[in-house]
Amino acid sequence: MQAEILADNPSSKIRILAINDAGYEAGNALAVEGRTIPLLQDTPEAAVWTSWGVEYRDVVILDGENNALGVFNLTDRNLAVRAEYDALLDFLRLKAGE
């Protein structure tokens, strides 16, 4: 999706990355295997998952100040379904003002 966004708009502000919950570091290699998405590791000190109220497989859309603007859960909404993929893409572009 990131490549599609940048192909359509090279100056896009949208950046997609993953964040792994603290305590699950052992799965990081598997999480990024075959993927190009950057993966950040949460820590107990930062407690990002807690502060954002993240559920497993949430896509949290943030503004430039890291405030949550919306959530799109990938368990509930399968990106293999084109309409769901387009809904997330449209939401990202809307929130970025693109």
Protein backbone atom coordinates (compact mmCIF):
# COMPACT_ATOMS: atom_id res chain seq x y z
CA MET A 1 0.00 0.00 0.00
CA GLN A 2 2.85 2.39 0.81
CA ALA A 3 4.32 1.92 -2.67
CA GLU A 4 0.93 2.62 -4.24
CA ILE A 5 0.49 5.79 -2.19
CA LEU A 6 3.93 7.11 -3.17
CA ALA A 7 3.48 6.12 -6.82
CA ASP A 8 0.25 8.14 -6.94
CA ASN A 9 1.68 11.04 -4.94
CA PRO A 10 5.48 11.12 -4.44
CA SER A 11 5.13 13.98 -1.94
CA SER A 12 2.56 12.12 0.21
CA LYS A 13 2.88 12.60 3.97
CA ILE A 14 1.51 9.10 4.60
CA ARG A 15 3.98 6.63 6.09
CA ILE A 16 2.98 3.09 7.00
CA LEU A 17 4.90 1.22 9.67
CA ALA A 18 4.26 -1.51 12.19
CA ILE A 19 4.71 -1.43 15.94
CA ASN A 20 5.07 -4.60 17.96
CA ASP A 21 3.75 -4.78 21.51
CA ALA A 22 6.28 -4.88 24.33
CA GLY A 23 7.10 -8.42 25.38
CA TYR A 24 6.67 -9.93 21.90
CA GLU A 25 10.13 -9.16 20.53
CA ALA A 26 10.80 -12.85 19.77
CA GLY A 27 8.38 -12.65 16.83
CA ASN A 28 9.97 -9.64 15.12
CA ALA A 29 11.99 -11.60 12.56
CA LEU A 30 8.92 -13.55 11.50
CA ALA A 31 6.77 -10.40 11.42
CA VAL A 32 8.99 -8.73 8.83
CA GLU A 33 9.99 -11.80 6.83
CA GLY A 34 9.34 -11.10 3.15
CA ARG A 35 8.03 -7.62 3.88
CA THR A 36 9.44 -4.12 3.52
CA ILE A 37 7.34 -2.43 6.20
CA PRO A 38 9.41 -0.81 8.95
CA LEU A 39 8.81 -2.41 12.36
CA LEU A 40 9.17 -0.47 15.60
CA GLN A 41 9.38 -2.28 18.93
CA ASP A 42 7.30 -0.89 21.78
CA THR A 43 8.83 -0.92 25.26
CA PRO A 44 7.30 -0.99 28.73
CA GLU A 45 8.60 2.56 29.23
CA ALA A 46 7.00 3.95 26.06
CA ALA A 47 3.81 1.82 26.42
CA VAL A 48 2.52 2.99 23.03
CA TRP A 49 0.07 0.10 22.66
CA THR A 50 -1.42 0.98 26.06
CA SER A 51 -1.62 4.71 25.44
CA TRP A 52 -3.33 4.19 22.06
CA GLY A 53 -5.58 1.37 23.34
CA VAL A 54 -4.34 -0.92 20.56
CA GLU A 55 -5.97 -4.26 19.82
CA TYR A 56 -4.13 -6.99 17.93
CA ARG A 57 -4.02 -6.17 14.16
CA ASP A 58 -5.17 -2.57 14.57
CA VAL A 59 -4.08 0.01 12.04
CA VAL A 60 -3.93 3.23 14.03
CA ILE A 61 -4.01 6.36 11.88
CA LEU A 62 -2.01 9.19 13.44
CA ASP A 63 -1.59 12.86 12.77
CA GLY A 64 1.78 14.60 12.69
CA GLU A 65 1.78 14.85 16.49
CA ASN A 66 1.15 11.09 16.97
CA ASN A 67 -2.45 11.62 18.06
CA ALA A 68 -4.78 8.80 17.02
CA LEU A 69 -7.29 9.89 14.37
CA GLY A 70 -8.90 6.52 13.75
CA VAL A 71 -8.52 2.75 13.88
CA PHE A 72 -8.96 0.11 11.18
CA ASN A 73 -8.75 -3.47 12.51
CA LEU A 74 -7.38 -6.03 10.07
CA THR A 75 -9.07 -8.94 11.80
CA ASP A 76 -12.47 -7.37 11.19
CA ARG A 77 -11.60 -5.92 7.78
CA ASN A 78 -9.63 -8.11 5.38
CA LEU A 79 -7.35 -6.17 3.02
CA ALA A 80 -7.55 -9.05 0.53
CA VAL A 81 -11.08 -7.77 -0.14
CA ARG A 82 -10.61 -4.86 -2.54
CA ALA A 83 -13.40 -2.79 -0.99
CA GLU A 84 -11.74 -3.04 2.43
CA TYR A 85 -8.33 -2.21 0.98
CA ASP A 86 -9.80 0.82 -0.79
CA ALA A 87 -11.60 1.90 2.40
CA LEU A 88 -8.31 1.98 4.33
CA LEU A 89 -6.49 3.70 1.50
CA ASP A 90 -9.24 6.33 1.19
CA PHE A 91 -9.25 6.87 4.96
CA LEU A 92 -5.48 7.38 5.03
CA ARG A 93 -5.63 9.86 2.18
CA LEU A 94 -8.56 11.72 3.74
CA LYS A 95 -6.83 12.08 7.11
CA ALA A 96 -3.61 13.22 5.38
CA GLY A 97 -5.54 15.77 3.34
CA GLU A 98 -4.57 14.14 0.06
